[in-house]
PDB file of N, CA and C in Angstrom:
ATOM      1  N   MET A   1      -1.471  13.023   1.021  1.00  0.00           N
ATOM      2  CA  MET A   1      -2.581  12.251   1.530  1.00  0.00           C
ATOM      3  C   MET A   1      -2.137  10.842   1.905  1.00  0.00           C
ATOM      4  N   ALA A   2      -1.299  10.235   1.095  1.00  0.00           N
ATOM      5  CA  ALA A   2      -0.851   8.871   1.370  1.00  0.00           C
ATOM      6  C   ALA A   2      -0.128   8.779   2.705  1.00  0.00           C
ATOM      7  N   GLN A   3       0.510   9.849   3.105  1.00  0.00           N
ATOM      8  CA  GLN A   3       1.233   9.851   4.376  1.00  0.00           C
ATOM      9  C   GLN A   3       0.285   9.859   5.571  1.00  0.00           C
ATOM     10  N   ARG A   4      -0.939  10.259   5.380  1.00  0.00           N
ATOM     11  CA  ARG A   4      -1.922  10.324   6.471  1.00  0.00           C
ATOM     12  C   ARG A   4      -2.718   9.036   6.621  1.00  0.00           C
ATOM     13  N   LEU A   5      -2.589   8.108   5.692  1.00  0.00           N
ATOM     14  CA  LEU A   5      -3.388   6.888   5.733  1.00  0.00           C
ATOM     15  C   LEU A   5      -3.222   6.083   7.018  1.00  0.00           C
ATOM     16  N   PRO A   6      -2.008   5.912   7.561  1.00  0.00           N
ATOM     17  CA  PRO A   6      -1.888   5.162   8.819  1.00  0.00           C
ATOM     18  C   PRO A   6      -2.643   5.818   9.984  1.00  0.00           C
ATOM     19  N   VAL A   7      -2.650   7.131  10.024  1.00  0.00           N
ATOM     20  CA  VAL A   7      -3.373   7.851  11.080  1.00  0.00           C
ATOM     21  C   VAL A   7      -4.871   7.603  10.940  1.00  0.00           C
ATOM     22  N   ILE A   8      -5.351   7.643   9.724  1.00  0.00           N
ATOM     23  CA  ILE A   8      -6.773   7.396   9.466  1.00  0.00           C
ATOM     24  C   ILE A   8      -7.122   5.955   9.811  1.00  0.00           C
ATOM     25  N   ALA A   9      -6.252   5.011   9.458  1.00  0.00           N
ATOM     26  CA  ALA A   9      -6.489   3.594   9.762  1.00  0.00           C
ATOM     27  C   ALA A   9      -6.608   3.378  11.268  1.00  0.00           C
ATOM     28  N   ARG A  10      -5.730   3.992  12.034  1.00  0.00           N
ATOM     29  CA  ARG A  10      -5.791   3.861  13.497  1.00  0.00           C
ATOM     30  C   ARG A  10      -7.067   4.497  14.050  1.00  0.00           C
ATOM     31  N   ALA A  11      -7.492   5.585  13.472  1.00  0.00           N
ATOM     32  CA  ALA A  11      -8.687   6.282  13.953  1.00  0.00           C
ATOM     33  C   ALA A  11      -9.962   5.482  13.685  1.00  0.00           C
ATOM     34  N   LEU A  12      -9.987   4.732  12.598  1.00  0.00           N
ATOM     35  CA  LEU A  12     -11.186   3.969  12.262  1.00  0.00           C
ATOM     36  C   LEU A  12     -11.421   2.818  13.238  1.00  0.00           C
ATOM     37  N   LYS A  13     -10.364   2.152  13.686  1.00  0.00           N
ATOM     38  CA  LYS A  13     -10.412   1.102  14.714  1.00  0.00           C
ATOM     39  C   LYS A  13     -11.254  -0.112  14.349  1.00  0.00           C
ATOM     40  N   ASN A  14     -11.754  -0.196  13.159  1.00  0.00           N
ATOM     41  CA  ASN A  14     -12.571  -1.323  12.740  1.00  0.00           C
ATOM     42  C   ASN A  14     -12.029  -1.805  11.400  1.00  0.00           C
ATOM     43  N   SER A  15     -11.579  -3.044  11.347  1.00  0.00           N
ATOM     44  CA  SER A  15     -10.943  -3.560  10.131  1.00  0.00           C
ATOM     45  C   SER A  15     -11.846  -3.479   8.914  1.00  0.00           C
ATOM     46  N   SER A  16     -13.126  -3.749   9.097  1.00  0.00           N
ATOM     47  CA  SER A  16     -14.020  -3.701   7.936  1.00  0.00           C
ATOM     48  C   SER A  16     -14.161  -2.275   7.406  1.00  0.00           C
ATOM     49  N   ASP A  17     -14.162  -1.291   8.300  1.00  0.00           N
ATOM     50  CA  ASP A  17     -14.203   0.107   7.854  1.00  0.00           C
ATOM     51  C   ASP A  17     -12.907   0.498   7.153  1.00  0.00           C
ATOM     52  N   VAL A  18     -11.793   0.036   7.693  1.00  0.00           N
ATOM     53  CA  VAL A  18     -10.498   0.336   7.079  1.00  0.00           C
ATOM     54  C   VAL A  18     -10.455  -0.235   5.666  1.00  0.00           C
ATOM     55  N   VAL A  19     -10.941  -1.469   5.518  1.00  0.00           N
ATOM     56  CA  VAL A  19     -10.926  -2.112   4.202  1.00  0.00           C
ATOM     57  C   VAL A  19     -11.880  -1.415   3.241  1.00  0.00           C
ATOM     58  N   SER A  20     -13.065  -1.082   3.691  1.00  0.00           N
ATOM     59  CA  SER A  20     -14.049  -0.496   2.770  1.00  0.00           C
ATOM     60  C   SER A  20     -13.780   0.978   2.464  1.00  0.00           C
ATOM     61  N   LEU A  21     -13.206   1.706   3.415  1.00  0.00           N
ATOM     62  CA  LEU A  21     -13.001   3.138   3.214  1.00  0.00           C
ATOM     63  C   LEU A  21     -11.576   3.513   2.824  1.00  0.00           C
ATOM     64  N   LEU A  22     -10.606   2.869   3.438  1.00  0.00           N
ATOM     65  CA  LEU A  22      -9.220   3.286   3.272  1.00  0.00           C
ATOM     66  C   LEU A  22      -8.481   2.535   2.166  1.00  0.00           C
ATOM     67  N   LEU A  23      -8.712   1.242   2.080  1.00  0.00           N
ATOM     68  CA  LEU A  23      -7.984   0.441   1.091  1.00  0.00           C
ATOM     69  C   LEU A  23      -8.214   0.917  -0.344  1.00  0.00           C
ATOM     70  N   PRO A  24      -9.439   1.244  -0.739  1.00  0.00           N
ATOM     71  CA  PRO A  24      -9.620   1.770  -2.102  1.00  0.00           C
ATOM     72  C   PRO A  24      -8.831   3.064  -2.348  1.00  0.00           C
ATOM     73  N   CYS A  25      -8.728   3.896  -1.323  1.00  0.00           N
ATOM     74  CA  CYS A  25      -7.929   5.131  -1.456  1.00  0.00           C
ATOM     75  C   CYS A  25      -6.460   4.796  -1.659  1.00  0.00           C
ATOM     76  N   LEU A  26      -5.969   3.838  -0.896  1.00  0.00           N
ATOM     77  CA  LEU A  26      -4.578   3.423  -1.019  1.00  0.00           C
ATOM     78  C   LEU A  26      -4.285   2.896  -2.420  1.00  0.00           C
ATOM     79  N   VAL A  27      -5.162   2.052  -2.918  1.00  0.00           N
ATOM     80  CA  VAL A  27      -4.983   1.481  -4.260  1.00  0.00           C
ATOM     81  C   VAL A  27      -5.032   2.581  -5.315  1.00  0.00           C
ATOM     82  N   GLN A  28      -5.978   3.489  -5.192  1.00  0.00           N
ATOM     83  CA  GLN A  28      -6.102   4.582  -6.161  1.00  0.00           C
ATOM     84  C   GLN A  28      -4.888   5.502  -6.122  1.00  0.00           C
ATOM     85  N   LEU A  29      -4.425   5.824  -4.932  1.00  0.00           N
ATOM     86  CA  LEU A  29      -3.236   6.670  -4.809  1.00  0.00           C
ATOM     87  C   LEU A  29      -2.016   5.980  -5.398  1.00  0.00           C
ATOM     88  N   TYR A  30      -1.932   4.669  -5.224  1.00  0.00           N
ATOM     89  CA  TYR A  30      -0.786   3.939  -5.755  1.00  0.00           C
ATOM     90  C   TYR A  30      -0.747   4.003  -7.286  1.00  0.00           C
ATOM     91  N   LYS A  31      -1.896   4.129  -7.914  1.00  0.00           N
ATOM     92  CA  LYS A  31      -1.962   4.195  -9.378  1.00  0.00           C
ATOM     93  C   LYS A  31      -1.571   5.567  -9.925  1.00  0.00           C
ATOM     94  N   ASP A  32      -1.342   6.527  -9.049  1.00  0.00           N
ATOM     95  CA  ASP A  32      -0.969   7.883  -9.463  1.00  0.00           C
ATOM     96  C   ASP A  32       0.331   7.855 -10.258  1.00  0.00           C
ATOM     97  N   ASP A  33       0.437   8.715 -11.245  1.00  0.00           N
ATOM     98  CA  ASP A  33       1.640   8.775 -12.078  1.00  0.00           C
ATOM     99  C   ASP A  33       2.831   9.395 -11.361  1.00  0.00           C
ATOM    100  N   ASP A  34       2.567  10.159 -10.333  1.00  0.00           N
ATOM    101  CA  ASP A  34       3.634  10.823  -9.581  1.00  0.00           C
ATOM    102  C   ASP A  34       4.370   9.794  -8.717  1.00  0.00           C
ATOM    103  N   VAL A  35       5.654   9.659  -8.930  1.00  0.00           N
ATOM    104  CA  VAL A  35       6.464   8.668  -8.222  1.00  0.00           C
ATOM    105  C   VAL A  35       6.475   8.929  -6.721  1.00  0.00           C
ATOM    106  N   THR A  36       6.427  10.179  -6.310  1.00  0.00           N
ATOM    107  CA  THR A  36       6.452  10.475  -4.874  1.00  0.00           C
ATOM    108  C   THR A  36       5.176  10.007  -4.176  1.00  0.00           C
ATOM    109  N   VAL A  37       4.052  10.033  -4.881  1.00  0.00           N
ATOM    110  CA  VAL A  37       2.795   9.532  -4.320  1.00  0.00           C
ATOM    111  C   VAL A  37       2.889   8.021  -4.161  1.00  0.00           C
ATOM    112  N   LYS A  38       3.395   7.355  -5.184  1.00  0.00           N
ATOM    113  CA  LYS A  38       3.573   5.904  -5.128  1.00  0.00           C
ATOM    114  C   LYS A  38       4.527   5.527  -3.988  1.00  0.00           C
ATOM    115  N   GLU A  39       5.590   6.288  -3.832  1.00  0.00           N
ATOM    116  CA  GLU A  39       6.558   6.032  -2.766  1.00  0.00           C
ATOM    117  C   GLU A  39       5.904   6.205  -1.393  1.00  0.00           C
ATOM    118  N   ALA A  40       5.107   7.238  -1.233  1.00  0.00           N
ATOM    119  CA  ALA A  40       4.419   7.459   0.042  1.00  0.00           C
ATOM    120  C   ALA A  40       3.472   6.307   0.359  1.00  0.00           C
ATOM    121  N   CYS A  41       2.793   5.796  -0.655  1.00  0.00           N
ATOM    122  CA  CYS A  41       1.910   4.643  -0.450  1.00  0.00           C
ATOM    123  C   CYS A  41       2.707   3.434   0.014  1.00  0.00           C
ATOM    124  N   MET A  42       3.773   3.135  -0.688  1.00  0.00           N
ATOM    125  CA  MET A  42       4.605   1.984  -0.326  1.00  0.00           C
ATOM    126  C   MET A  42       5.181   2.134   1.077  1.00  0.00           C
ATOM    127  N   ASN A  43       5.611   3.325   1.413  1.00  0.00           N
ATOM    128  CA  ASN A  43       6.209   3.554   2.726  1.00  0.00           C
ATOM    129  C   ASN A  43       5.192   3.456   3.856  1.00  0.00           C
ATOM    130  N   ASN A  44       3.924   3.642   3.558  1.00  0.00           N
ATOM    131  CA  ASN A  44       2.906   3.642   4.606  1.00  0.00           C
ATOM    132  C   ASN A  44       2.041   2.390   4.648  1.00  0.00           C
ATOM    133  N   ILE A  45       2.188   1.505   3.680  1.00  0.00           N
ATOM    134  CA  ILE A  45       1.423   0.257   3.695  1.00  0.00           C
ATOM    135  C   ILE A  45       1.711  -0.525   4.974  1.00  0.00           C
ATOM    136  N   ALA A  46       2.972  -0.582   5.383  1.00  0.00           N
ATOM    137  CA  ALA A  46       3.356  -1.368   6.563  1.00  0.00           C
ATOM    138  C   ALA A  46       2.592  -0.932   7.807  1.00  0.00           C
ATOM    139  N   GLN A  47       2.372   0.352   7.948  1.00  0.00           N
ATOM    140  CA  GLN A  47       1.657   0.846   9.122  1.00  0.00           C
ATOM    141  C   GLN A  47       0.155   0.597   9.032  1.00  0.00           C
ATOM    142  N   CYS A  48      -0.338   0.389   7.820  1.00  0.00           N
ATOM    143  CA  CYS A  48      -1.767   0.132   7.630  1.00  0.00           C
ATOM    144  C   CYS A  48      -2.103  -1.357   7.691  1.00  0.00           C
ATOM    145  N   ILE A  49      -1.161  -2.211   7.360  1.00  0.00           N
ATOM    146  CA  ILE A  49      -1.415  -3.655   7.273  1.00  0.00           C
ATOM    147  C   ILE A  49      -2.079  -4.229   8.526  1.00  0.00           C
ATOM    148  N   PRO A  50      -1.662  -3.873   9.737  1.00  0.00           N
ATOM    149  CA  PRO A  50      -2.323  -4.458  10.910  1.00  0.00           C
ATOM    150  C   PRO A  50      -3.814  -4.138  11.004  1.00  0.00           C
ATOM    151  N   HIS A  51      -4.260  -3.127  10.308  1.00  0.00           N
ATOM    152  CA  HIS A  51      -5.657  -2.706  10.371  1.00  0.00           C
ATOM    153  C   HIS A  51      -6.514  -3.320   9.264  1.00  0.00           C
ATOM    154  N   PHE A  52      -5.892  -4.038   8.326  1.00  0.00           N
ATOM    155  CA  PHE A  52      -6.628  -4.693   7.251  1.00  0.00           C
ATOM    156  C   PHE A  52      -7.055  -6.088   7.683  1.00  0.00           C
ATOM    157  N   THR A  53      -8.125  -6.579   7.093  1.00  0.00           N
ATOM    158  CA  THR A  53      -8.535  -7.957   7.341  1.00  0.00           C
ATOM    159  C   THR A  53      -7.582  -8.899   6.610  1.00  0.00           C
ATOM    160  N   SER A  54      -7.585 -10.150   7.014  1.00  0.00           N
ATOM    161  CA  SER A  54      -6.734 -11.151   6.353  1.00  0.00           C
ATOM    162  C   SER A  54      -7.081 -11.269   4.877  1.00  0.00           C
ATOM    163  N   ASP A  55      -8.373 -11.236   4.573  1.00  0.00           N
ATOM    164  CA  ASP A  55      -8.796 -11.325   3.173  1.00  0.00           C
ATOM    165  C   ASP A  55      -8.291 -10.138   2.361  1.00  0.00           C
ATOM    166  N   ALA A  56      -8.336  -8.956   2.938  1.00  0.00           N
ATOM    167  CA  ALA A  56      -7.860  -7.763   2.225  1.00  0.00           C
ATOM    168  C   ALA A  56      -6.366  -7.856   1.962  1.00  0.00           C
ATOM    169  N   LYS A  57      -5.632  -8.356   2.940  1.00  0.00           N
ATOM    170  CA  LYS A  57      -4.186  -8.525   2.748  1.00  0.00           C
ATOM    171  C   LYS A  57      -3.920  -9.522   1.627  1.00  0.00           C
ATOM    172  N   LYS A  58      -4.636 -10.635   1.684  1.00  0.00           N
ATOM    173  CA  LYS A  58      -4.420 -11.717   0.718  1.00  0.00           C
ATOM    174  C   LYS A  58      -4.889 -11.343  -0.687  1.00  0.00           C
ATOM    175  N   ASN A  59      -6.019 -10.677  -0.782  1.00  0.00           N
ATOM    176  CA  ASN A  59      -6.635 -10.433  -2.089  1.00  0.00           C
ATOM    177  C   ASN A  59      -6.333  -9.073  -2.708  1.00  0.00           C
ATOM    178  N   THR A  60      -5.849  -8.128  -1.919  1.00  0.00           N
ATOM    179  CA  THR A  60      -5.600  -6.788  -2.454  1.00  0.00           C
ATOM    180  C   THR A  60      -4.172  -6.313  -2.222  1.00  0.00           C
ATOM    181  N   VAL A  61      -3.727  -6.315  -0.970  1.00  0.00           N
ATOM    182  CA  VAL A  61      -2.424  -5.728  -0.645  1.00  0.00           C
ATOM    183  C   VAL A  61      -1.276  -6.539  -1.244  1.00  0.00           C
ATOM    184  N   LEU A  62      -1.244  -7.831  -0.977  1.00  0.00           N
ATOM    185  CA  LEU A  62      -0.144  -8.648  -1.507  1.00  0.00           C
ATOM    186  C   LEU A  62      -0.127  -8.697  -3.034  1.00  0.00           C
ATOM    187  N   PRO A  63      -1.285  -8.846  -3.705  1.00  0.00           N
ATOM    188  CA  PRO A  63      -1.253  -8.767  -5.170  1.00  0.00           C
ATOM    189  C   PRO A  63      -0.775  -7.410  -5.693  1.00  0.00           C
ATOM    190  N   LEU A  64      -1.105  -6.332  -4.988  1.00  0.00           N
ATOM    191  CA  LEU A  64      -0.633  -5.001  -5.384  1.00  0.00           C
ATOM    192  C   LEU A  64       0.888  -4.933  -5.304  1.00  0.00           C
ATOM    193  N   ILE A  65       1.444  -5.458  -4.228  1.00  0.00           N
ATOM    194  CA  ILE A  65       2.899  -5.463  -4.062  1.00  0.00           C
ATOM    195  C   ILE A  65       3.548  -6.348  -5.121  1.00  0.00           C
ATOM    196  N   LYS A  66       2.966  -7.524  -5.353  1.00  0.00           N
ATOM    197  CA  LYS A  66       3.514  -8.452  -6.358  1.00  0.00           C
ATOM    198  C   LYS A  66       3.467  -7.824  -7.751  1.00  0.00           C
ATOM    199  N   LYS A  67       2.328  -7.246  -8.099  1.00  0.00           N
ATOM    200  CA  LYS A  67       2.184  -6.610  -9.412  1.00  0.00           C
ATOM    201  C   LYS A  67       3.182  -5.468  -9.567  1.00  0.00           C
ATOM    202  N   SER A  68       3.371  -4.713  -8.501  1.00  0.00           N
ATOM    203  CA  SER A  68       4.324  -3.598  -8.533  1.00  0.00           C
ATOM    204  C   SER A  68       5.737  -4.088  -8.781  1.00  0.00           C
ATOM    205  N   ALA A  69       6.104  -5.182  -8.119  1.00  0.00           N
ATOM    206  CA  ALA A  69       7.447  -5.743  -8.310  1.00  0.00           C
ATOM    207  C   ALA A  69       7.628  -6.236  -9.740  1.00  0.00           C
ATOM    208  N   GLU A  70       6.627  -6.919 -10.262  1.00  0.00           N
ATOM    209  CA  GLU A  70       6.711  -7.432 -11.634  1.00  0.00           C
ATOM    210  C   GLU A  70       6.817  -6.293 -12.647  1.00  0.00           C
ATOM    211  N   GLN A  71       5.997  -5.263 -12.475  1.00  0.00           N
ATOM    212  CA  GLN A  71       6.048  -4.117 -13.387  1.00  0.00           C
ATOM    213  C   GLN A  71       7.384  -3.396 -13.291  1.00  0.00           C
ATOM    214  N   SER A  72       7.904  -3.304 -12.096  1.00  0.00           N
ATOM    215  CA  SER A  72       9.182  -2.629 -11.900  1.00  0.00           C
ATOM    216  C   SER A  72      10.310  -3.376 -12.603  1.00  0.00           C
ATOM    217  N   LEU A  73      10.258  -4.701 -12.557  1.00  0.00           N
ATOM    218  CA  LEU A  73      11.271  -5.498 -13.255  1.00  0.00           C
ATOM    219  C   LEU A  73      11.180  -5.300 -14.764  1.00  0.00           C
ATOM    220  N   GLU A  74       9.951  -5.245 -15.275  1.00  0.00           N
ATOM    221  CA  GLU A  74       9.754  -5.050 -16.714  1.00  0.00           C
ATOM    222  C   GLU A  74      10.183  -3.653 -17.157  1.00  0.00           C
ATOM    223  N   GLN A  75       9.801  -2.649 -16.372  1.00  0.00           N
ATOM    224  CA  GLN A  75      10.053  -1.259 -16.754  1.00  0.00           C
ATOM    225  C   GLN A  75      11.400  -0.738 -16.271  1.00  0.00           C
ATOM    226  N   LYS A  76      12.040  -1.526 -15.417  1.00  0.00           N
ATOM    227  CA  LYS A  76      13.335  -1.135 -14.844  1.00  0.00           C
ATOM    228  C   LYS A  76      13.256   0.252 -14.187  1.00  0.00           C
ATOM    229  N   ASP A  77      12.245   0.418 -13.331  1.00  0.00           N
ATOM    230  CA  ASP A  77      12.099   1.694 -12.625  1.00  0.00           C
ATOM    231  C   ASP A  77      12.462   1.540 -11.145  1.00  0.00           C
ATOM    232  N   GLU A  78      12.295   2.610 -10.393  1.00  0.00           N
ATOM    233  CA  GLU A  78      12.738   2.630  -9.002  1.00  0.00           C
ATOM    234  C   GLU A  78      11.755   2.006  -8.019  1.00  0.00           C
ATOM    235  N   THR A  79      10.605   1.542  -8.487  1.00  0.00           N
ATOM    236  CA  THR A  79       9.621   0.950  -7.592  1.00  0.00           C
ATOM    237  C   THR A  79      10.174  -0.275  -6.879  1.00  0.00           C
ATOM    238  N   LEU A  80      10.988  -1.046  -7.561  1.00  0.00           N
ATOM    239  CA  LEU A  80      11.556  -2.242  -6.944  1.00  0.00           C
ATOM    240  C   LEU A  80      12.398  -1.881  -5.722  1.00  0.00           C
ATOM    241  N   MET A  81      13.090  -0.772  -5.773  1.00  0.00           N
ATOM    242  CA  MET A  81      13.877  -0.323  -4.622  1.00  0.00           C
ATOM    243  C   MET A  81      12.963   0.039  -3.448  1.00  0.00           C
ATOM    244  N   LEU A  82      11.812   0.623  -3.734  1.00  0.00           N
ATOM    245  CA  LEU A  82      10.845   0.938  -2.681  1.00  0.00           C
ATOM    246  C   LEU A  82      10.319  -0.333  -2.039  1.00  0.00           C
ATOM    247  N   ILE A  83      10.040  -1.321  -2.870  1.00  0.00           N
ATOM    248  CA  ILE A  83       9.548  -2.598  -2.365  1.00  0.00           C
ATOM    249  C   ILE A  83      10.608  -3.257  -1.493  1.00  0.00           C
ATOM    250  N   ALA A  84      11.841  -3.282  -1.976  1.00  0.00           N
ATOM    251  CA  ALA A  84      12.934  -3.883  -1.209  1.00  0.00           C
ATOM    252  C   ALA A  84      13.133  -3.154   0.118  1.00  0.00           C
ATOM    253  N   LYS A  85      13.044  -1.849   0.090  1.00  0.00           N
ATOM    254  CA  LYS A  85      13.228  -1.036   1.295  1.00  0.00           C
ATOM    255  C   LYS A  85      12.179  -1.356   2.358  1.00  0.00           C
ATOM    256  N   ASN A  86      10.956  -1.592   1.924  1.00  0.00           N
ATOM    257  CA  ASN A  86       9.846  -1.794   2.854  1.00  0.00           C
ATOM    258  C   ASN A  86       9.510  -3.254   3.121  1.00  0.00           C
ATOM    259  N   PHE A  87      10.120  -4.165   2.401  1.00  0.00           N
ATOM    260  CA  PHE A  87       9.724  -5.574   2.456  1.00  0.00           C
ATOM    261  C   PHE A  87       9.756  -6.142   3.875  1.00  0.00           C
ATOM    262  N   GLY A  88      10.764  -5.817   4.642  1.00  0.00           N
ATOM    263  CA  GLY A  88      10.870  -6.335   6.003  1.00  0.00           C
ATOM    264  C   GLY A  88       9.720  -5.908   6.898  1.00  0.00           C
ATOM    265  N   GLU A  89       9.220  -4.717   6.693  1.00  0.00           N
ATOM    266  CA  GLU A  89       8.104  -4.223   7.507  1.00  0.00           C
ATOM    267  C   GLU A  89       6.781  -4.874   7.129  1.00  0.00           C
ATOM    268  N   TRP A  90       6.644  -5.261   5.851  1.00  0.00           N
ATOM    269  CA  TRP A  90       5.382  -5.849   5.414  1.00  0.00           C
ATOM    270  C   TRP A  90       5.251  -7.235   5.979  1.00  0.00           C
TER     271      TRP A  90
END
């Protein structure tokens, strides 16, 4: 499902709809325990970012990325590598 989020974001064509309908799904999927789901979310955030409002980027997306990086440093898991891999696109 996380891999389809950019397609859905483009189809909605309205930033407020993307934020109200899609962003909560992205956040919920990112909380999944399955590492592959988390990886798919991270890999697809870059394609969704242009469809989010500035407030959504500032208040939800960037804090999610920051929190993920901090947790990855504490837990020494592979999430930090996903963040590093995608950082240029974000």
